[in-house]
Amino acid sequence: MSSAADAQSQILALLAERDPGKTICPSDAARALDPTGFLALMPTVRDAARELVAKGQIEVTQGGEPVELDSAHGPIRLRLVQPQGPE
């Protein structure tokens, strides 16, 4: 079984392959960790995403807008937090 650290690494690796601002589905990370048993990994991936959000590395979105993971209902997406340029 994959750990939360494995899931965090997988989320970040998949996002690193995407263009800036692009997202992944949490199930993409779970499938990359275990293609046949990915459903059992979904809670682990969500926990990993929660930790990455707390670290400021990713954000959770719905309809392209940031949302709180724990209050989101329905499908979510994950994306890297974009560095803020000088204002």
PDB file of N, CA and C in Angstrom:
ATOM      1  N   MET A   1       0.847  -1.184   0.000  1.00  0.00           N
ATOM      2  CA  MET A   1       0.000   0.000   0.000  1.00  0.00           C
ATOM      3  C   MET A   1       0.886   1.239   0.000  1.00  0.00           C
ATOM      4  N   SER A   2       0.508   2.217  -0.761  1.00  0.00           N
ATOM      5  CA  SER A   2       1.277   3.460  -0.856  1.00  0.00           C
ATOM      6  C   SER A   2       0.988   4.356   0.337  1.00  0.00           C
ATOM      7  N   SER A   3       1.994   5.122   0.723  1.00  0.00           N
ATOM      8  CA  SER A   3       1.869   6.028   1.857  1.00  0.00           C
ATOM      9  C   SER A   3       1.448   7.418   1.378  1.00  0.00           C
ATOM     10  N   ALA A   4       1.141   8.282   2.344  1.00  0.00           N
ATOM     11  CA  ALA A   4       0.819   9.674   2.021  1.00  0.00           C
ATOM     12  C   ALA A   4       2.019  10.353   1.369  1.00  0.00           C
ATOM     13  N   ALA A   5       3.238  10.017   1.807  1.00  0.00           N
ATOM     14  CA  ALA A   5       4.438  10.591   1.197  1.00  0.00           C
ATOM     15  C   ALA A   5       4.559  10.166  -0.262  1.00  0.00           C
ATOM     16  N   ASP A   6       4.242   8.893  -0.544  1.00  0.00           N
ATOM     17  CA  ASP A   6       4.256   8.415  -1.934  1.00  0.00           C
ATOM     18  C   ASP A   6       3.230   9.194  -2.759  1.00  0.00           C
ATOM     19  N   ALA A   7       2.063   9.389  -2.187  1.00  0.00           N
ATOM     20  CA  ALA A   7       0.998  10.097  -2.890  1.00  0.00           C
ATOM     21  C   ALA A   7       1.378  11.556  -3.130  1.00  0.00           C
ATOM     22  N   GLN A   8       1.994  12.203  -2.129  1.00  0.00           N
ATOM     23  CA  GLN A   8       2.445  13.581  -2.317  1.00  0.00           C
ATOM     24  C   GLN A   8       3.459  13.669  -3.449  1.00  0.00           C
ATOM     25  N   SER A   9       4.409  12.761  -3.453  1.00  0.00           N
ATOM     26  CA  SER A   9       5.424  12.746  -4.512  1.00  0.00           C
ATOM     27  C   SER A   9       4.789  12.547  -5.876  1.00  0.00           C
ATOM     28  N   GLN A  10       3.801  11.664  -5.950  1.00  0.00           N
ATOM     29  CA  GLN A  10       3.144  11.388  -7.227  1.00  0.00           C
ATOM     30  C   GLN A  10       2.339  12.593  -7.701  1.00  0.00           C
ATOM     31  N   ILE A  11       1.622  13.237  -6.799  1.00  0.00           N
ATOM     32  CA  ILE A  11       0.863  14.437  -7.161  1.00  0.00           C
ATOM     33  C   ILE A  11       1.807  15.486  -7.734  1.00  0.00           C
ATOM     34  N   LEU A  12       2.893  15.759  -7.027  1.00  0.00           N
ATOM     35  CA  LEU A  12       3.843  16.776  -7.478  1.00  0.00           C
ATOM     36  C   LEU A  12       4.512  16.394  -8.789  1.00  0.00           C
ATOM     37  N   ALA A  13       4.823  15.110  -8.960  1.00  0.00           N
ATOM     38  CA  ALA A  13       5.448  14.661 -10.209  1.00  0.00           C
ATOM     39  C   ALA A  13       4.500  14.842 -11.393  1.00  0.00           C
ATOM     40  N   LEU A  14       3.246  14.477 -11.219  1.00  0.00           N
ATOM     41  CA  LEU A  14       2.280  14.633 -12.307  1.00  0.00           C
ATOM     42  C   LEU A  14       2.053  16.097 -12.647  1.00  0.00           C
ATOM     43  N   LEU A  15       1.968  16.944 -11.624  1.00  0.00           N
ATOM     44  CA  LEU A  15       1.771  18.369 -11.876  1.00  0.00           C
ATOM     45  C   LEU A  15       2.990  18.994 -12.541  1.00  0.00           C
ATOM     46  N   ALA A  16       4.181  18.509 -12.218  1.00  0.00           N
ATOM     47  CA  ALA A  16       5.402  19.029 -12.832  1.00  0.00           C
ATOM     48  C   ALA A  16       5.434  18.748 -14.333  1.00  0.00           C
ATOM     49  N   GLU A  17       4.737  17.698 -14.758  1.00  0.00           N
ATOM     50  CA  GLU A  17       4.678  17.350 -16.180  1.00  0.00           C
ATOM     51  C   GLU A  17       3.696  18.218 -16.952  1.00  0.00           C
ATOM     52  N   ARG A  18       2.822  18.917 -16.249  1.00  0.00           N
ATOM     53  CA  ARG A  18       1.795  19.740 -16.877  1.00  0.00           C
ATOM     54  C   ARG A  18       2.311  21.163 -17.095  1.00  0.00           C
ATOM     55  N   ASP A  19       1.683  21.854 -18.017  1.00  0.00           N
ATOM     56  CA  ASP A  19       1.980  23.264 -18.216  1.00  0.00           C
ATOM     57  C   ASP A  19       1.535  24.043 -16.978  1.00  0.00           C
ATOM     58  N   PRO A  20       2.156  25.201 -16.723  1.00  0.00           N
ATOM     59  CA  PRO A  20       1.752  26.007 -15.565  1.00  0.00           C
ATOM     60  C   PRO A  20       0.248  26.295 -15.583  1.00  0.00           C
ATOM     61  N   GLY A  21      -0.361  26.146 -14.421  1.00  0.00           N
ATOM     62  CA  GLY A  21      -1.791  26.413 -14.285  1.00  0.00           C
ATOM     63  C   GLY A  21      -2.691  25.237 -14.620  1.00  0.00           C
ATOM     64  N   LYS A  22      -2.124  24.184 -15.195  1.00  0.00           N
ATOM     65  CA  LYS A  22      -2.922  23.006 -15.542  1.00  0.00           C
ATOM     66  C   LYS A  22      -3.119  22.137 -14.310  1.00  0.00           C
ATOM     67  N   THR A  23      -4.153  21.306 -14.367  1.00  0.00           N
ATOM     68  CA  THR A  23      -4.554  20.522 -13.200  1.00  0.00           C
ATOM     69  C   THR A  23      -4.491  19.030 -13.467  1.00  0.00           C
ATOM     70  N   ILE A  24      -4.597  18.284 -12.364  1.00  0.00           N
ATOM     71  CA  ILE A  24      -4.787  16.837 -12.446  1.00  0.00           C
ATOM     72  C   ILE A  24      -5.986  16.484 -11.573  1.00  0.00           C
ATOM     73  N   CYS A  25      -6.550  15.349 -11.845  1.00  0.00           N
ATOM     74  CA  CYS A  25      -7.576  14.777 -10.987  1.00  0.00           C
ATOM     75  C   CYS A  25      -6.860  13.961  -9.914  1.00  0.00           C
ATOM     76  N   PRO A  26      -7.340  13.981  -8.681  1.00  0.00           N
ATOM     77  CA  PRO A  26      -6.703  13.144  -7.658  1.00  0.00           C
ATOM     78  C   PRO A  26      -6.593  11.675  -8.078  1.00  0.00           C
ATOM     79  N   SER A  27      -7.554  11.201  -8.862  1.00  0.00           N
ATOM     80  CA  SER A  27      -7.504   9.808  -9.299  1.00  0.00           C
ATOM     81  C   SER A  27      -6.329   9.542 -10.234  1.00  0.00           C
ATOM     82  N   ASP A  28      -5.818  10.575 -10.913  1.00  0.00           N
ATOM     83  CA  ASP A  28      -4.627  10.405 -11.754  1.00  0.00           C
ATOM     84  C   ASP A  28      -3.447   9.944 -10.898  1.00  0.00           C
ATOM     85  N   ALA A  29      -3.294  10.565  -9.730  1.00  0.00           N
ATOM     86  CA  ALA A  29      -2.202  10.189  -8.829  1.00  0.00           C
ATOM     87  C   ALA A  29      -2.430   8.786  -8.274  1.00  0.00           C
ATOM     88  N   ALA A  30      -3.659   8.493  -7.888  1.00  0.00           N
ATOM     89  CA  ALA A  30      -3.967   7.163  -7.350  1.00  0.00           C
ATOM     90  C   ALA A  30      -3.716   6.087  -8.406  1.00  0.00           C
ATOM     91  N   ARG A  31      -4.139   6.341  -9.647  1.00  0.00           N
ATOM     92  CA  ARG A  31      -3.924   5.367 -10.728  1.00  0.00           C
ATOM     93  C   ARG A  31      -2.435   5.176 -11.022  1.00  0.00           C
ATOM     94  N   ALA A  32      -1.659   6.253 -10.927  1.00  0.00           N
ATOM     95  CA  ALA A  32      -0.222   6.133 -11.172  1.00  0.00           C
ATOM     96  C   ALA A  32       0.441   5.272 -10.100  1.00  0.00           C
ATOM     97  N   LEU A  33      -0.086   5.333  -8.885  1.00  0.00           N
ATOM     98  CA  LEU A  33       0.465   4.532  -7.789  1.00  0.00           C
ATOM     99  C   LEU A  33       0.038   3.075  -7.878  1.00  0.00           C
ATOM    100  N   ASP A  34      -1.210   2.825  -8.290  1.00  0.00           N
ATOM    101  CA  ASP A  34      -1.735   1.455  -8.376  1.00  0.00           C
ATOM    102  C   ASP A  34      -2.887   1.422  -9.376  1.00  0.00           C
ATOM    103  N   PRO A  35      -2.595   1.099 -10.636  1.00  0.00           N
ATOM    104  CA  PRO A  35      -3.621   1.144 -11.676  1.00  0.00           C
ATOM    105  C   PRO A  35      -4.849   0.277 -11.407  1.00  0.00           C
ATOM    106  N   THR A  36      -4.684  -0.828 -10.722  1.00  0.00           N
ATOM    107  CA  THR A  36      -5.839  -1.701 -10.491  1.00  0.00           C
ATOM    108  C   THR A  36      -6.504  -1.485  -9.136  1.00  0.00           C
ATOM    109  N   GLY A  37      -5.773  -0.949  -8.178  1.00  0.00           N
ATOM    110  CA  GLY A  37      -6.331  -0.743  -6.846  1.00  0.00           C
ATOM    111  C   GLY A  37      -6.435   0.721  -6.475  1.00  0.00           C
ATOM    112  N   PHE A  38      -6.593   1.573  -7.489  1.00  0.00           N
ATOM    113  CA  PHE A  38      -6.539   3.015  -7.235  1.00  0.00           C
ATOM    114  C   PHE A  38      -7.676   3.519  -6.355  1.00  0.00           C
ATOM    115  N   LEU A  39      -8.842   2.905  -6.425  1.00  0.00           N
ATOM    116  CA  LEU A  39      -9.965   3.398  -5.614  1.00  0.00           C
ATOM    117  C   LEU A  39      -9.658   3.326  -4.124  1.00  0.00           C
ATOM    118  N   ALA A  40      -8.965   2.285  -3.709  1.00  0.00           N
ATOM    119  CA  ALA A  40      -8.611   2.142  -2.294  1.00  0.00           C
ATOM    120  C   ALA A  40      -7.610   3.216  -1.862  1.00  0.00           C
ATOM    121  N   LEU A  41      -6.892   3.799  -2.828  1.00  0.00           N
ATOM    122  CA  LEU A  41      -5.893   4.829  -2.514  1.00  0.00           C
ATOM    123  C   LEU A  41      -6.465   6.243  -2.486  1.00  0.00           C
ATOM    124  N   MET A  42      -7.693   6.417  -2.900  1.00  0.00           N
ATOM    125  CA  MET A  42      -8.254   7.769  -2.967  1.00  0.00           C
ATOM    126  C   MET A  42      -8.221   8.503  -1.628  1.00  0.00           C
ATOM    127  N   PRO A  43      -8.561   7.878  -0.505  1.00  0.00           N
ATOM    128  CA  PRO A  43      -8.438   8.605   0.775  1.00  0.00           C
ATOM    129  C   PRO A  43      -6.994   9.031   1.071  1.00  0.00           C
ATOM    130  N   THR A  44      -6.034   8.180   0.731  1.00  0.00           N
ATOM    131  CA  THR A  44      -4.622   8.516   0.933  1.00  0.00           C
ATOM    132  C   THR A  44      -4.223   9.701   0.062  1.00  0.00           C
ATOM    133  N   VAL A  45      -4.684   9.714  -1.175  1.00  0.00           N
ATOM    134  CA  VAL A  45      -4.361  10.817  -2.090  1.00  0.00           C
ATOM    135  C   VAL A  45      -5.008  12.111  -1.602  1.00  0.00           C
ATOM    136  N   ARG A  46      -6.236  12.040  -1.127  1.00  0.00           N
ATOM    137  CA  ARG A  46      -6.891  13.249  -0.596  1.00  0.00           C
ATOM    138  C   ARG A  46      -6.137  13.779   0.623  1.00  0.00           C
ATOM    139  N   ASP A  47      -5.699  12.878   1.503  1.00  0.00           N
ATOM    140  CA  ASP A  47      -4.923  13.297   2.669  1.00  0.00           C
ATOM    141  C   ASP A  47      -3.604  13.936   2.234  1.00  0.00           C
ATOM    142  N   ALA A  48      -2.976  13.343   1.218  1.00  0.00           N
ATOM    143  CA  ALA A  48      -1.723  13.903   0.699  1.00  0.00           C
ATOM    144  C   ALA A  48      -1.967  15.288   0.113  1.00  0.00           C
ATOM    145  N   ALA A  49      -3.066  15.435  -0.622  1.00  0.00           N
ATOM    146  CA  ALA A  49      -3.406  16.743  -1.193  1.00  0.00           C
ATOM    147  C   ALA A  49      -3.639  17.755  -0.080  1.00  0.00           C
ATOM    148  N   ARG A  50      -4.327  17.345   0.971  1.00  0.00           N
ATOM    149  CA  ARG A  50      -4.587  18.231   2.112  1.00  0.00           C
ATOM    150  C   ARG A  50      -3.262  18.738   2.703  1.00  0.00           C
ATOM    151  N   GLU A  51      -2.290  17.847   2.844  1.00  0.00           N
ATOM    152  CA  GLU A  51      -0.987  18.227   3.389  1.00  0.00           C
ATOM    153  C   GLU A  51      -0.250  19.176   2.449  1.00  0.00           C
ATOM    154  N   LEU A  52      -0.335  18.931   1.142  1.00  0.00           N
ATOM    155  CA  LEU A  52       0.323  19.812   0.173  1.00  0.00           C
ATOM    156  C   LEU A  52      -0.324  21.193   0.140  1.00  0.00           C
ATOM    157  N   VAL A  53      -1.636  21.243   0.333  1.00  0.00           N
ATOM    158  CA  VAL A  53      -2.326  22.532   0.434  1.00  0.00           C
ATOM    159  C   VAL A  53      -1.824  23.275   1.670  1.00  0.00           C
ATOM    160  N   ALA A  54      -1.734  22.562   2.792  1.00  0.00           N
ATOM    161  CA  ALA A  54      -1.263  23.189   4.037  1.00  0.00           C
ATOM    162  C   ALA A  54       0.158  23.726   3.901  1.00  0.00           C
ATOM    163  N   LYS A  55       0.967  23.078   3.077  1.00  0.00           N
ATOM    164  CA  LYS A  55       2.344  23.526   2.833  1.00  0.00           C
ATOM    165  C   LYS A  55       2.418  24.650   1.803  1.00  0.00           C
ATOM    166  N   GLY A  56       1.278  24.965   1.185  1.00  0.00           N
ATOM    167  CA  GLY A  56       1.256  26.026   0.181  1.00  0.00           C
ATOM    168  C   GLY A  56       1.779  25.615  -1.177  1.00  0.00           C
ATOM    169  N   GLN A  57       1.857  24.312  -1.433  1.00  0.00           N
ATOM    170  CA  GLN A  57       2.417  23.839  -2.705  1.00  0.00           C
ATOM    171  C   GLN A  57       1.368  23.658  -3.796  1.00  0.00           C
ATOM    172  N   ILE A  58       0.164  23.254  -3.417  1.00  0.00           N
ATOM    173  CA  ILE A  58      -0.895  23.054  -4.404  1.00  0.00           C
ATOM    174  C   ILE A  58      -2.166  23.726  -3.908  1.00  0.00           C
ATOM    175  N   GLU A  59      -3.138  23.826  -4.825  1.00  0.00           N
ATOM    176  CA  GLU A  59      -4.473  24.261  -4.448  1.00  0.00           C
ATOM    177  C   GLU A  59      -5.483  23.323  -5.066  1.00  0.00           C
ATOM    178  N   VAL A  60      -6.644  23.281  -4.453  1.00  0.00           N
ATOM    179  CA  VAL A  60      -7.749  22.454  -4.904  1.00  0.00           C
ATOM    180  C   VAL A  60      -8.707  23.367  -5.648  1.00  0.00           C
ATOM    181  N   THR A  61      -9.191  22.913  -6.805  1.00  0.00           N
ATOM    182  CA  THR A  61     -10.097  23.739  -7.591  1.00  0.00           C
ATOM    183  C   THR A  61     -11.349  22.966  -7.988  1.00  0.00           C
ATOM    184  N   GLN A  62     -12.386  23.726  -8.248  1.00  0.00           N
ATOM    185  CA  GLN A  62     -13.605  23.246  -8.892  1.00  0.00           C
ATOM    186  C   GLN A  62     -14.007  24.327  -9.883  1.00  0.00           C
ATOM    187  N   GLY A  63     -14.247  23.926 -11.103  1.00  0.00           N
ATOM    188  CA  GLY A  63     -14.601  24.901 -12.124  1.00  0.00           C
ATOM    189  C   GLY A  63     -13.530  25.953 -12.326  1.00  0.00           C
ATOM    190  N   GLY A  64     -12.271  25.579 -12.065  1.00  0.00           N
ATOM    191  CA  GLY A  64     -11.158  26.490 -12.254  1.00  0.00           C
ATOM    192  C   GLY A  64     -10.926  27.457 -11.111  1.00  0.00           C
ATOM    193  N   GLU A  65     -11.782  27.425 -10.092  1.00  0.00           N
ATOM    194  CA  GLU A  65     -11.664  28.338  -8.956  1.00  0.00           C
ATOM    195  C   GLU A  65     -11.188  27.600  -7.713  1.00  0.00           C
ATOM    196  N   PRO A  66     -10.297  28.216  -6.930  1.00  0.00           N
ATOM    197  CA  PRO A  66      -9.834  27.574  -5.689  1.00  0.00           C
ATOM    198  C   PRO A  66     -10.990  27.343  -4.717  1.00  0.00           C
ATOM    199  N   VAL A  67     -10.966  26.169  -4.080  1.00  0.00           N
ATOM    200  CA  VAL A  67     -11.965  25.812  -3.073  1.00  0.00           C
ATOM    201  C   VAL A  67     -11.256  25.134  -1.905  1.00  0.00           C
ATOM    202  N   GLU A  68     -11.939  25.057  -0.780  1.00  0.00           N
ATOM    203  CA  GLU A  68     -11.445  24.320   0.370  1.00  0.00           C
ATOM    204  C   GLU A  68     -11.725  22.837   0.140  1.00  0.00           C
ATOM    205  N   LEU A  69     -10.721  22.007   0.293  1.00  0.00           N
ATOM    206  CA  LEU A  69     -10.874  20.579   0.046  1.00  0.00           C
ATOM    207  C   LEU A  69     -11.987  19.978   0.886  1.00  0.00           C
ATOM    208  N   ASP A  70     -12.035  20.315   2.168  1.00  0.00           N
ATOM    209  CA  ASP A  70     -12.989  19.674   3.058  1.00  0.00           C
ATOM    210  C   ASP A  70     -14.426  20.149   2.868  1.00  0.00           C
ATOM    211  N   SER A  71     -14.612  21.275   2.193  1.00  0.00           N
ATOM    212  CA  SER A  71     -15.980  21.733   1.951  1.00  0.00           C
ATOM    213  C   SER A  71     -16.412  21.520   0.500  1.00  0.00           C
ATOM    214  N   ALA A  72     -15.524  21.005  -0.319  1.00  0.00           N
ATOM    215  CA  ALA A  72     -15.842  20.775  -1.728  1.00  0.00           C
ATOM    216  C   ALA A  72     -16.767  19.569  -1.875  1.00  0.00           C
ATOM    217  N   HIS A  73     -17.761  19.722  -2.719  1.00  0.00           N
ATOM    218  CA  HIS A  73     -18.674  18.619  -3.046  1.00  0.00           C
ATOM    219  C   HIS A  73     -18.561  18.372  -4.541  1.00  0.00           C
ATOM    220  N   GLY A  74     -18.371  17.122  -4.912  1.00  0.00           N
ATOM    221  CA  GLY A  74     -18.241  16.784  -6.319  1.00  0.00           C
ATOM    222  C   GLY A  74     -16.791  16.718  -6.744  1.00  0.00           C
ATOM    223  N   PRO A  75     -16.560  16.611  -8.047  1.00  0.00           N
ATOM    224  CA  PRO A  75     -15.206  16.446  -8.579  1.00  0.00           C
ATOM    225  C   PRO A  75     -14.320  17.657  -8.273  1.00  0.00           C
ATOM    226  N   ILE A  76     -13.081  17.368  -7.927  1.00  0.00           N
ATOM    227  CA  ILE A  76     -12.090  18.408  -7.672  1.00  0.00           C
ATOM    228  C   ILE A  76     -10.890  18.181  -8.576  1.00  0.00           C
ATOM    229  N   ARG A  77     -10.081  19.206  -8.695  1.00  0.00           N
ATOM    230  CA  ARG A  77      -8.836  19.136  -9.446  1.00  0.00           C
ATOM    231  C   ARG A  77      -7.735  19.699  -8.559  1.00  0.00           C
ATOM    232  N   LEU A  78      -6.498  19.339  -8.858  1.00  0.00           N
ATOM    233  CA  LEU A  78      -5.343  19.817  -8.110  1.00  0.00           C
ATOM    234  C   LEU A  78      -4.420  20.556  -9.061  1.00  0.00           C
ATOM    235  N   ARG A  79      -3.859  21.681  -8.601  1.00  0.00           N
ATOM    236  CA  ARG A  79      -2.876  22.404  -9.418  1.00  0.00           C
ATOM    237  C   ARG A  79      -1.816  23.016  -8.511  1.00  0.00           C
ATOM    238  N   LEU A  80      -0.645  23.199  -9.102  1.00  0.00           N
ATOM    239  CA  LEU A  80       0.444  23.838  -8.378  1.00  0.00           C
ATOM    240  C   LEU A  80       0.083  25.285  -8.097  1.00  0.00           C
ATOM    241  N   VAL A  81       0.488  25.774  -6.947  1.00  0.00           N
ATOM    242  CA  VAL A  81       0.323  27.196  -6.639  1.00  0.00           C
ATOM    243  C   VAL A  81       1.334  27.948  -7.483  1.00  0.00           C
ATOM    244  N   GLN A  82       0.862  28.939  -8.183  1.00  0.00           N
ATOM    245  CA  GLN A  82       1.733  29.735  -9.057  1.00  0.00           C
ATOM    246  C   GLN A  82       2.420  30.809  -8.238  1.00  0.00           C
ATOM    247  N   PRO A  83       3.735  30.952  -8.403  1.00  0.00           N
ATOM    248  CA  PRO A  83       4.441  32.000  -7.677  1.00  0.00           C
ATOM    249  C   PRO A  83       3.910  33.367  -8.053  1.00  0.00           C
ATOM    250  N   GLN A  84       3.815  34.221  -7.065  1.00  0.00           N
ATOM    251  CA  GLN A  84       3.347  35.583  -7.298  1.00  0.00           C
ATOM    252  C   GLN A  84       4.525  36.451  -7.720  1.00  0.00           C
ATOM    253  N   GLY A  85       4.354  37.176  -8.793  1.00  0.00           N
ATOM    254  CA  GLY A  85       5.400  38.075  -9.264  1.00  0.00           C
ATOM    255  C   GLY A  85       5.377  39.368  -8.475  1.00  0.00           C
ATOM    256  N   PRO A  86       6.362  40.204  -8.677  1.00  0.00           N
ATOM    257  CA  PRO A  86       6.373  41.502  -8.004  1.00  0.00           C
ATOM    258  C   PRO A  86       5.198  42.355  -8.453  1.00  0.00           C
ATOM    259  N   GLU A  87       4.635  43.084  -7.511  1.00  0.00           N
ATOM    260  CA  GLU A  87       3.463  43.903  -7.859  1.00  0.00           C
ATOM    261  C   GLU A  87       3.823  45.352  -7.980  1.00  0.00           C
TER     262      GLU A  87
END
